[in-house]
């Protein structure tokens, strides 16, 4: 899985965040998506990488401006009450 952080210009409020989350869910196969207008970014967890071109197209169709995208491997953090030593 891949964690993709997309920098977006133009989000101003919680409704902008919701709109961007819906756009990402509709256009891409994402496991999780969260947006922050304060940070100007959308963070997604996806099974496969999504190209900058596809991200830019989806973002700009909504009226916002695609700035950049960064990727890093994502590993689900396990939770355990009992830690192994």
N, C-alpha and C. Protein backbone atom coordinates (compact mmCIF):
# COMPACT_ATOMS: atom_id res chain seq x y z
N UNK A 1 0.84 -1.18 0.00
CA UNK A 1 0.00 0.00 0.00
C UNK A 1 0.89 1.24 0.00
N UNK A 2 0.29 2.32 -0.50
CA UNK A 2 1.02 3.57 -0.63
C UNK A 2 0.27 4.70 0.05
N UNK A 3 1.01 5.55 0.76
CA UNK A 3 0.44 6.76 1.34
C UNK A 3 0.78 7.89 0.39
N UNK A 4 -0.25 8.56 -0.11
CA UNK A 4 -0.06 9.65 -1.07
C UNK A 4 -0.55 10.95 -0.42
N UNK A 5 0.35 11.92 -0.33
CA UNK A 5 0.00 13.23 0.21
C UNK A 5 -0.05 14.22 -0.94
N UNK A 6 -1.23 14.77 -1.18
CA UNK A 6 -1.43 15.69 -2.28
C UNK A 6 -1.59 17.10 -1.72
N UNK A 7 -0.72 18.00 -2.14
CA UNK A 7 -0.82 19.40 -1.74
C UNK A 7 -1.81 20.09 -2.69
N UNK A 8 -2.79 20.77 -2.09
CA UNK A 8 -3.87 21.38 -2.86
C UNK A 8 -4.05 22.83 -2.41
N UNK A 9 -4.17 23.72 -3.37
CA UNK A 9 -4.40 25.13 -3.07
C UNK A 9 -5.86 25.46 -3.35
N UNK A 10 -6.49 26.19 -2.44
CA UNK A 10 -7.86 26.64 -2.68
C UNK A 10 -8.89 26.12 -1.70
N UNK A 11 -8.56 25.12 -0.88
CA UNK A 11 -9.52 24.64 0.11
C UNK A 11 -9.61 25.66 1.24
N UNK A 12 -10.83 26.04 1.61
CA UNK A 12 -11.01 27.10 2.60
C UNK A 12 -11.76 26.66 3.86
N UNK A 13 -12.46 25.52 3.80
CA UNK A 13 -13.32 25.16 4.94
C UNK A 13 -13.55 23.66 4.99
N UNK A 14 -14.34 23.24 5.95
CA UNK A 14 -14.67 21.83 6.11
C UNK A 14 -15.43 21.26 4.93
N UNK A 15 -16.28 22.06 4.30
CA UNK A 15 -17.00 21.58 3.12
C UNK A 15 -16.04 21.33 1.95
N UNK A 16 -15.01 22.14 1.84
CA UNK A 16 -13.98 21.92 0.81
C UNK A 16 -13.29 20.58 1.06
N UNK A 17 -12.99 20.30 2.32
CA UNK A 17 -12.36 19.02 2.69
C UNK A 17 -13.26 17.86 2.30
N UNK A 18 -14.54 17.97 2.64
CA UNK A 18 -15.50 16.91 2.32
C UNK A 18 -15.62 16.71 0.81
N UNK A 19 -15.67 17.81 0.08
CA UNK A 19 -15.76 17.74 -1.39
C UNK A 19 -14.54 17.02 -1.97
N UNK A 20 -13.35 17.35 -1.46
CA UNK A 20 -12.13 16.71 -1.96
C UNK A 20 -12.11 15.23 -1.59
N UNK A 21 -12.52 14.88 -0.37
CA UNK A 21 -12.58 13.46 0.03
C UNK A 21 -13.50 12.68 -0.90
N UNK A 22 -14.68 13.24 -1.18
CA UNK A 22 -15.64 12.57 -2.07
C UNK A 22 -15.06 12.41 -3.47
N UNK A 23 -14.38 13.43 -3.96
CA UNK A 23 -13.77 13.37 -5.29
C UNK A 23 -12.74 12.25 -5.37
N UNK A 24 -11.90 12.13 -4.36
CA UNK A 24 -10.87 11.09 -4.36
C UNK A 24 -11.50 9.70 -4.29
N UNK A 25 -12.54 9.54 -3.47
CA UNK A 25 -13.21 8.24 -3.36
C UNK A 25 -13.89 7.84 -4.67
N UNK A 26 -14.46 8.81 -5.37
CA UNK A 26 -15.17 8.53 -6.62
C UNK A 26 -14.22 8.21 -7.77
N UNK A 27 -13.04 8.81 -7.77
CA UNK A 27 -12.11 8.65 -8.89
C UNK A 27 -11.06 7.57 -8.71
N UNK A 28 -10.77 7.21 -7.45
CA UNK A 28 -9.68 6.28 -7.20
C UNK A 28 -10.08 5.24 -6.17
N UNK A 29 -9.41 4.09 -6.22
CA UNK A 29 -9.66 3.02 -5.26
C UNK A 29 -8.79 3.27 -4.03
N UNK A 30 -9.34 4.03 -3.08
CA UNK A 30 -8.58 4.37 -1.88
C UNK A 30 -9.17 3.67 -0.65
N UNK A 31 -8.31 3.30 0.26
CA UNK A 31 -8.73 2.66 1.50
C UNK A 31 -9.17 3.71 2.52
N UNK A 32 -8.45 4.85 2.53
CA UNK A 32 -8.72 5.90 3.50
C UNK A 32 -8.33 7.22 2.86
N UNK A 33 -9.09 8.26 3.16
CA UNK A 33 -8.75 9.59 2.66
C UNK A 33 -9.16 10.63 3.69
N UNK A 34 -8.26 11.57 3.96
CA UNK A 34 -8.55 12.70 4.85
C UNK A 34 -7.97 13.96 4.22
N UNK A 35 -8.69 15.06 4.41
CA UNK A 35 -8.23 16.34 3.88
C UNK A 35 -8.17 17.37 4.99
N UNK A 36 -7.29 18.35 4.81
CA UNK A 36 -7.16 19.44 5.78
C UNK A 36 -6.99 20.75 5.01
N UNK A 37 -7.97 21.65 5.17
CA UNK A 37 -7.83 22.95 4.50
C UNK A 37 -6.74 23.78 5.17
N UNK A 38 -6.54 23.58 6.48
CA UNK A 38 -5.50 24.32 7.20
C UNK A 38 -4.10 23.96 6.70
N UNK A 39 -3.89 22.67 6.41
CA UNK A 39 -2.59 22.22 5.90
C UNK A 39 -2.52 22.26 4.38
N UNK A 40 -3.66 22.43 3.73
CA UNK A 40 -3.71 22.48 2.27
C UNK A 40 -3.32 21.16 1.64
N UNK A 41 -3.84 20.07 2.22
CA UNK A 41 -3.46 18.76 1.68
C UNK A 41 -4.55 17.71 1.87
N UNK A 42 -4.46 16.69 1.04
CA UNK A 42 -5.29 15.50 1.13
C UNK A 42 -4.34 14.32 1.25
N UNK A 43 -4.58 13.45 2.22
CA UNK A 43 -3.75 12.27 2.44
C UNK A 43 -4.60 11.04 2.17
N UNK A 44 -4.09 10.16 1.29
CA UNK A 44 -4.82 8.95 0.92
C UNK A 44 -3.96 7.72 1.16
N UNK A 45 -4.63 6.63 1.51
CA UNK A 45 -4.00 5.32 1.57
C UNK A 45 -4.61 4.53 0.41
N UNK A 46 -3.77 4.08 -0.52
CA UNK A 46 -4.25 3.38 -1.70
C UNK A 46 -3.50 2.07 -1.89
N UNK A 47 -4.18 1.11 -2.48
CA UNK A 47 -3.56 -0.19 -2.78
C UNK A 47 -2.42 -0.01 -3.78
N UNK A 48 -2.67 0.82 -4.81
CA UNK A 48 -1.69 1.04 -5.87
C UNK A 48 -1.42 2.52 -6.03
N UNK A 49 -0.27 2.84 -6.59
CA UNK A 49 0.11 4.24 -6.81
C UNK A 49 -0.84 4.89 -7.82
N UNK A 50 -1.04 6.18 -7.67
CA UNK A 50 -1.86 6.97 -8.59
C UNK A 50 -0.95 8.04 -9.18
N UNK A 51 -0.95 8.15 -10.49
CA UNK A 51 -0.03 9.09 -11.15
C UNK A 51 -0.40 10.55 -10.84
N UNK A 52 0.62 11.41 -10.88
CA UNK A 52 0.41 12.85 -10.66
C UNK A 52 -0.60 13.40 -11.66
N UNK A 53 -0.52 12.92 -12.90
CA UNK A 53 -1.41 13.40 -13.96
C UNK A 53 -2.88 13.13 -13.62
N UNK A 54 -3.17 11.93 -13.13
CA UNK A 54 -4.55 11.57 -12.76
C UNK A 54 -5.01 12.35 -11.54
N UNK A 55 -4.10 12.54 -10.57
CA UNK A 55 -4.44 13.32 -9.38
C UNK A 55 -4.73 14.76 -9.76
N UNK A 56 -3.87 15.33 -10.60
CA UNK A 56 -4.04 16.72 -11.02
C UNK A 56 -5.36 16.90 -11.75
N UNK A 57 -5.69 15.97 -12.62
CA UNK A 57 -6.94 16.03 -13.39
C UNK A 57 -8.14 16.03 -12.44
N UNK A 58 -8.15 15.11 -11.47
CA UNK A 58 -9.27 15.00 -10.53
C UNK A 58 -9.40 16.25 -9.67
N UNK A 59 -8.26 16.75 -9.16
CA UNK A 59 -8.28 17.94 -8.30
C UNK A 59 -8.75 19.17 -9.06
N UNK A 60 -8.23 19.37 -10.25
CA UNK A 60 -8.54 20.59 -10.99
C UNK A 60 -9.95 20.59 -11.57
N UNK A 61 -10.57 19.41 -11.75
CA UNK A 61 -11.96 19.35 -12.18
C UNK A 61 -12.89 19.89 -11.10
N UNK A 62 -12.44 19.86 -9.85
CA UNK A 62 -13.26 20.35 -8.73
C UNK A 62 -13.08 21.84 -8.51
N UNK A 63 -12.12 22.46 -9.20
CA UNK A 63 -11.91 23.90 -9.07
C UNK A 63 -10.75 24.28 -8.16
N UNK A 64 -10.09 23.30 -7.59
CA UNK A 64 -8.93 23.58 -6.74
C UNK A 64 -7.66 23.44 -7.58
N UNK A 65 -6.53 23.83 -7.02
CA UNK A 65 -5.27 23.79 -7.75
C UNK A 65 -4.37 22.71 -7.18
N UNK A 66 -3.95 21.78 -8.04
CA UNK A 66 -3.00 20.74 -7.67
C UNK A 66 -1.62 21.37 -7.57
N UNK A 67 -0.93 21.18 -6.43
CA UNK A 67 0.39 21.76 -6.25
C UNK A 67 1.46 20.68 -6.42
N UNK A 68 1.34 19.58 -5.66
CA UNK A 68 2.32 18.50 -5.75
C UNK A 68 1.77 17.25 -5.09
N UNK A 69 2.48 16.15 -5.28
CA UNK A 69 2.11 14.89 -4.63
C UNK A 69 3.38 14.20 -4.16
N UNK A 70 3.32 13.64 -2.96
CA UNK A 70 4.45 12.89 -2.41
C UNK A 70 3.94 11.50 -2.01
N UNK A 71 4.82 10.52 -2.15
CA UNK A 71 4.44 9.15 -1.85
C UNK A 71 5.42 8.52 -0.88
N UNK A 72 4.89 7.60 -0.08
CA UNK A 72 5.74 6.81 0.81
C UNK A 72 5.04 5.48 1.06
N UNK A 73 5.81 4.44 1.31
CA UNK A 73 5.19 3.14 1.61
C UNK A 73 4.36 3.24 2.88
N UNK A 74 3.25 2.53 2.90
CA UNK A 74 2.38 2.55 4.07
C UNK A 74 2.26 1.14 4.63
N UNK A 75 2.48 1.04 5.91
CA UNK A 75 2.28 -0.23 6.60
C UNK A 75 1.30 0.00 7.72
N UNK A 76 0.28 -0.82 7.74
CA UNK A 76 -0.73 -0.70 8.78
C UNK A 76 -0.08 -0.98 10.13
N UNK A 77 -0.35 -0.10 11.06
CA UNK A 77 0.21 -0.27 12.39
C UNK A 77 -0.66 -1.24 13.17
N UNK A 78 -0.03 -2.26 13.71
CA UNK A 78 -0.77 -3.22 14.50
C UNK A 78 -1.02 -2.68 15.89
N UNK A 79 -2.08 -3.16 16.50
CA UNK A 79 -2.40 -2.75 17.86
C UNK A 79 -2.46 -3.99 18.73
N UNK A 80 -1.80 -3.91 19.85
CA UNK A 80 -1.82 -5.04 20.76
C UNK A 80 -1.77 -4.54 22.19
N UNK A 81 -2.56 -5.15 23.02
CA UNK A 81 -2.51 -4.80 24.45
C UNK A 81 -1.26 -5.39 25.09
N UNK A 82 -0.78 -6.46 24.50
CA UNK A 82 0.37 -7.16 25.04
C UNK A 82 1.53 -7.07 24.06
N UNK A 83 2.59 -6.42 24.46
CA UNK A 83 3.74 -6.27 23.58
C UNK A 83 4.66 -7.48 23.70
N UNK A 84 5.12 -7.93 22.56
CA UNK A 84 6.07 -9.05 22.56
C UNK A 84 7.47 -8.53 22.80
N UNK A 85 8.25 -9.30 23.51
CA UNK A 85 9.63 -8.89 23.77
C UNK A 85 10.58 -9.83 23.12
